[in-house]
Amino acid sequence: MPRLLVVHHTPSPALQAVLTAVREGVALVEDVELTVRPALSAGAADVLAADGVLLGTPANIGYMSGALKHFFDTVFYPCLDATAGLPYGVYVHGNDDTAGALTSVQRITGALGWRQVAAPLSLTGPPGAEDLEACRELAATVAVGL
């Protein structure tokens, strides 16, 4: 059974709602094992055991969260060669702008050689019903792409 790893930094109620929608989206796909890890506790063993990764972060001052950056710093070299081609997706939430955070994630996943299997999802402001549905769709798309 394929394994999807969700690595997230969820410091706000808005991101908690997004993470809940992500879980719901993965649950719509049969025969996918879901592992959810906060970015500060996820490590190389989690990535190496996964068939795909969904990354979630707030946009903090134009960059990904420090927690997600720490995750990348921790896993980069142990996973560099072993995970080339790993399917991934990403969602970013910010109050007004997510472009810098998304670019920073894409630079690192590009350096790792990961393969983006779903369009990135950028959310601003409080997530509404359409935003949460987009989160479900993103998660399901990544899970199907494993």
C-alpha atoms as a PDB file:
ATOM      1  CA  MET A   1       0.000   0.000   0.000  1.00  0.00           C
ATOM      2  CA  PRO A   2       1.500   3.416  -0.950  1.00  0.00           C
ATOM      3  CA  ARG A   3       2.396   5.745   1.905  1.00  0.00           C
ATOM      4  CA  LEU A   4       1.768   9.478   1.873  1.00  0.00           C
ATOM      5  CA  LEU A   5       3.690  11.576   4.370  1.00  0.00           C
ATOM      6  CA  VAL A   6       2.220  14.949   5.312  1.00  0.00           C
ATOM      7  CA  VAL A   7       4.855  17.236   6.807  1.00  0.00           C
ATOM      8  CA  HIS A   8       3.276  20.398   8.176  1.00  0.00           C
ATOM      9  CA  HIS A   9       3.684  23.388  10.425  1.00  0.00           C
ATOM     10  CA  THR A  10       0.262  24.209  11.808  1.00  0.00           C
ATOM     11  CA  PRO A  11       0.500  27.083  14.310  1.00  0.00           C
ATOM     12  CA  SER A  12      -2.923  28.665  13.710  1.00  0.00           C
ATOM     13  CA  PRO A  13      -6.619  27.754  13.624  1.00  0.00           C
ATOM     14  CA  ALA A  14      -6.639  28.524   9.881  1.00  0.00           C
ATOM     15  CA  LEU A  15      -3.875  26.005   9.214  1.00  0.00           C
ATOM     16  CA  GLN A  16      -5.549  23.483  11.511  1.00  0.00           C
ATOM     17  CA  ALA A  17      -8.662  23.701   9.323  1.00  0.00           C
ATOM     18  CA  VAL A  18      -6.460  23.202   6.254  1.00  0.00           C
ATOM     19  CA  LEU A  19      -4.752  20.169   7.797  1.00  0.00           C
ATOM     20  CA  THR A  20      -8.144  18.662   8.651  1.00  0.00           C
ATOM     21  CA  ALA A  21      -9.238  19.128   5.033  1.00  0.00           C
ATOM     22  CA  VAL A  22      -6.001  17.503   3.841  1.00  0.00           C
ATOM     23  CA  ARG A  23      -6.713  14.449   6.005  1.00  0.00           C
ATOM     24  CA  GLU A  24     -10.244  14.290   4.594  1.00  0.00           C
ATOM     25  CA  GLY A  25      -8.923  14.478   1.045  1.00  0.00           C
ATOM     26  CA  VAL A  26      -6.502  11.597   1.556  1.00  0.00           C
ATOM     27  CA  ALA A  27      -9.297   9.548   3.151  1.00  0.00           C
ATOM     28  CA  LEU A  28     -11.173   9.758  -0.174  1.00  0.00           C
ATOM     29  CA  VAL A  29      -8.451   7.698  -1.868  1.00  0.00           C
ATOM     30  CA  GLU A  30      -8.536   3.955  -1.292  1.00  0.00           C
ATOM     31  CA  ASP A  31      -5.463   1.989  -0.322  1.00  0.00           C
ATOM     32  CA  VAL A  32      -3.215   4.868   0.762  1.00  0.00           C
ATOM     33  CA  GLU A  33      -1.552   4.838   4.156  1.00  0.00           C
ATOM     34  CA  LEU A  34      -1.369   8.327   5.686  1.00  0.00           C
ATOM     35  CA  THR A  35       1.376   9.474   8.053  1.00  0.00           C
ATOM     36  CA  VAL A  36       1.127  13.002   9.444  1.00  0.00           C
ATOM     37  CA  ARG A  37       4.169  14.571  11.107  1.00  0.00           C
ATOM     38  CA  PRO A  38       4.774  18.078  12.413  1.00  0.00           C
ATOM     39  CA  ALA A  39       7.734  19.588  10.583  1.00  0.00           C
ATOM     40  CA  LEU A  40       9.793  19.800  13.781  1.00  0.00           C
ATOM     41  CA  SER A  41       9.513  16.053  14.421  1.00  0.00           C
ATOM     42  CA  ALA A  42       9.594  14.661  10.864  1.00  0.00           C
ATOM     43  CA  GLY A  43      12.898  13.245   9.747  1.00  0.00           C
ATOM     44  CA  ALA A  44      14.783  11.380   7.075  1.00  0.00           C
ATOM     45  CA  ALA A  45      13.373   8.003   8.152  1.00  0.00           C
ATOM     46  CA  ASP A  46       9.850   9.328   7.560  1.00  0.00           C
ATOM     47  CA  VAL A  47      10.726  10.546   4.065  1.00  0.00           C
ATOM     48  CA  LEU A  48      12.599   7.376   3.154  1.00  0.00           C
ATOM     49  CA  ALA A  49       9.588   5.278   4.204  1.00  0.00           C
ATOM     50  CA  ALA A  50       7.158   7.382   2.138  1.00  0.00           C
ATOM     51  CA  ASP A  51       6.050   6.998  -1.456  1.00  0.00           C
ATOM     52  CA  GLY A  52       5.120  10.680  -1.618  1.00  0.00           C
ATOM     53  CA  VAL A  53       5.085  13.848   0.473  1.00  0.00           C
ATOM     54  CA  LEU A  54       2.610  16.663   0.984  1.00  0.00           C
ATOM     55  CA  LEU A  55       4.187  19.752   2.540  1.00  0.00           C
ATOM     56  CA  GLY A  56       2.247  22.406   4.439  1.00  0.00           C
ATOM     57  CA  THR A  57       3.518  25.723   5.752  1.00  0.00           C
ATOM     58  CA  PRO A  58       2.471  29.205   6.692  1.00  0.00           C
ATOM     59  CA  ALA A  59       4.069  32.094   4.825  1.00  0.00           C
ATOM     60  CA  ASN A  60       6.189  33.902   7.397  1.00  0.00           C
ATOM     61  CA  ILE A  61       7.677  37.222   6.324  1.00  0.00           C
ATOM     62  CA  GLY A  62       7.873  36.051   2.721  1.00  0.00           C
ATOM     63  CA  TYR A  63       9.367  32.639   3.459  1.00  0.00           C
ATOM     64  CA  MET A  64       8.333  29.148   4.527  1.00  0.00           C
ATOM     65  CA  SER A  65       8.090  28.566   8.270  1.00  0.00           C
ATOM     66  CA  GLY A  66      11.300  28.004  10.200  1.00  0.00           C
ATOM     67  CA  ALA A  67       9.913  24.609  11.183  1.00  0.00           C
ATOM     68  CA  LEU A  68       9.605  23.454   7.562  1.00  0.00           C
ATOM     69  CA  LYS A  69      13.060  24.866   6.777  1.00  0.00           C
ATOM     70  CA  HIS A  70      14.408  22.866   9.731  1.00  0.00           C
ATOM     71  CA  PHE A  71      12.776  19.749   8.275  1.00  0.00           C
ATOM     72  CA  PHE A  72      14.499  20.341   4.945  1.00  0.00           C
ATOM     73  CA  ASP A  73      17.832  21.015   6.663  1.00  0.00           C
ATOM     74  CA  THR A  74      17.476  17.725   8.541  1.00  0.00           C
ATOM     75  CA  VAL A  75      16.516  15.523   5.591  1.00  0.00           C
ATOM     76  CA  PHE A  76      18.362  17.130   2.676  1.00  0.00           C
ATOM     77  CA  TYR A  77      21.584  15.133   2.561  1.00  0.00           C
ATOM     78  CA  PRO A  78      20.259  11.836   3.955  1.00  0.00           C
ATOM     79  CA  CYS A  79      17.484  11.882   1.317  1.00  0.00           C
ATOM     80  CA  LEU A  80      19.214  13.605  -1.595  1.00  0.00           C
ATOM     81  CA  ASP A  81      20.055  10.579  -3.730  1.00  0.00           C
ATOM     82  CA  ALA A  82      17.523   8.121  -2.311  1.00  0.00           C
ATOM     83  CA  THR A  83      14.417  10.217  -2.987  1.00  0.00           C
ATOM     84  CA  ALA A  84      15.008  11.667  -6.455  1.00  0.00           C
ATOM     85  CA  GLY A  85      11.690  11.629  -8.297  1.00  0.00           C
ATOM     86  CA  LEU A  86       9.626  11.456  -5.090  1.00  0.00           C
ATOM     87  CA  PRO A  87       6.098  12.738  -5.820  1.00  0.00           C
ATOM     88  CA  TYR A  88       5.136  15.775  -3.768  1.00  0.00           C
ATOM     89  CA  GLY A  89       2.605  18.546  -3.354  1.00  0.00           C
ATOM     90  CA  VAL A  90       2.582  21.726  -1.284  1.00  0.00           C
ATOM     91  CA  TYR A  91       0.139  24.104   0.329  1.00  0.00           C
ATOM     92  CA  VAL A  92       0.989  27.524   1.735  1.00  0.00           C
ATOM     93  CA  HIS A  93      -1.218  29.781   3.837  1.00  0.00           C
ATOM     94  CA  GLY A  94      -0.578  33.468   4.482  1.00  0.00           C
ATOM     95  CA  ASN A  95      -2.395  36.574   5.545  1.00  0.00           C
ATOM     96  CA  ASP A  96      -1.705  38.397   2.298  1.00  0.00           C
ATOM     97  CA  ASP A  97       1.130  36.866   0.244  1.00  0.00           C
ATOM     98  CA  THR A  98       2.476  33.362  -0.228  1.00  0.00           C
ATOM     99  CA  ALA A  99       4.746  33.760  -3.265  1.00  0.00           C
ATOM    100  CA  GLY A 100       8.081  33.860  -1.414  1.00  0.00           C
ATOM    101  CA  ALA A 101       7.202  30.889   0.764  1.00  0.00           C
ATOM    102  CA  LEU A 102       6.132  28.837  -2.228  1.00  0.00           C
ATOM    103  CA  THR A 103       9.261  29.758  -4.176  1.00  0.00           C
ATOM    104  CA  SER A 104      11.488  28.750  -1.259  1.00  0.00           C
ATOM    105  CA  VAL A 105       9.822  25.332  -0.975  1.00  0.00           C
ATOM    106  CA  GLN A 106      10.073  24.769  -4.718  1.00  0.00           C
ATOM    107  CA  ARG A 107      13.783  25.626  -4.740  1.00  0.00           C
ATOM    108  CA  ILE A 108      14.541  23.009  -2.130  1.00  0.00           C
ATOM    109  CA  THR A 109      12.289  20.312  -3.580  1.00  0.00           C
ATOM    110  CA  GLY A 110      13.864  21.041  -6.956  1.00  0.00           C
ATOM    111  CA  ALA A 111      17.343  20.589  -5.488  1.00  0.00           C
ATOM    112  CA  LEU A 112      16.185  17.286  -3.993  1.00  0.00           C
ATOM    113  CA  GLY A 113      14.884  16.222  -7.394  1.00  0.00           C
ATOM    114  CA  TRP A 114      11.344  15.687  -6.124  1.00  0.00           C
ATOM    115  CA  ARG A 115       8.551  15.577  -8.723  1.00  0.00           C
ATOM    116  CA  GLN A 116       5.592  17.921  -8.247  1.00  0.00           C
ATOM    117  CA  VAL A 117       2.393  15.939  -8.970  1.00  0.00           C
ATOM    118  CA  ALA A 118      -0.173  18.624  -8.173  1.00  0.00           C
ATOM    119  CA  ALA A 119      -0.340  22.360  -8.658  1.00  0.00           C
ATOM    120  CA  PRO A 120       0.738  24.180  -5.503  1.00  0.00           C
ATOM    121  CA  LEU A 121      -2.056  25.573  -3.391  1.00  0.00           C
ATOM    122  CA  SER A 122      -1.710  29.137  -2.091  1.00  0.00           C
ATOM    123  CA  LEU A 123      -4.299  30.339   0.395  1.00  0.00           C
ATOM    124  CA  THR A 124      -4.649  33.811   1.877  1.00  0.00           C
ATOM    125  CA  GLY A 125      -6.839  34.968   4.716  1.00  0.00           C
ATOM    126  CA  PRO A 126      -9.260  32.773   6.623  1.00  0.00           C
ATOM    127  CA  PRO A 127      -9.906  29.608   4.601  1.00  0.00           C
ATOM    128  CA  GLY A 128     -13.470  29.405   3.303  1.00  0.00           C
ATOM    129  CA  ALA A 129     -15.411  26.415   2.036  1.00  0.00           C
ATOM    130  CA  GLU A 130     -13.882  26.656  -1.454  1.00  0.00           C
ATOM    131  CA  ASP A 131     -10.370  26.837   0.005  1.00  0.00           C
ATOM    132  CA  LEU A 132     -10.948  23.763   2.151  1.00  0.00           C
ATOM    133  CA  GLU A 133     -12.347  21.876  -0.842  1.00  0.00           C
ATOM    134  CA  ALA A 134      -9.199  22.828  -2.772  1.00  0.00           C
ATOM    135  CA  CYS A 135      -7.159  21.371   0.104  1.00  0.00           C
ATOM    136  CA  ARG A 136      -9.098  18.107  -0.100  1.00  0.00           C
ATOM    137  CA  GLU A 137      -8.560  18.001  -3.860  1.00  0.00           C
ATOM    138  CA  LEU A 138      -4.836  18.707  -3.502  1.00  0.00           C
ATOM    139  CA  ALA A 139      -4.414  15.925  -0.961  1.00  0.00           C
ATOM    140  CA  ALA A 140      -6.398  13.461  -3.048  1.00  0.00           C
ATOM    141  CA  THR A 141      -4.423  14.357  -6.175  1.00  0.00           C
ATOM    142  CA  VAL A 142      -1.105  13.808  -4.435  1.00  0.00           C
ATOM    143  CA  ALA A 143      -2.358  10.513  -2.938  1.00  0.00           C
ATOM    144  CA  VAL A 144      -3.520   9.288  -6.353  1.00  0.00           C
ATOM    145  CA  GLY A 145      -0.150  10.259  -7.831  1.00  0.00           C
ATOM    146  CA  LEU A 146       1.753   7.818  -5.633  1.00  0.00           C
END
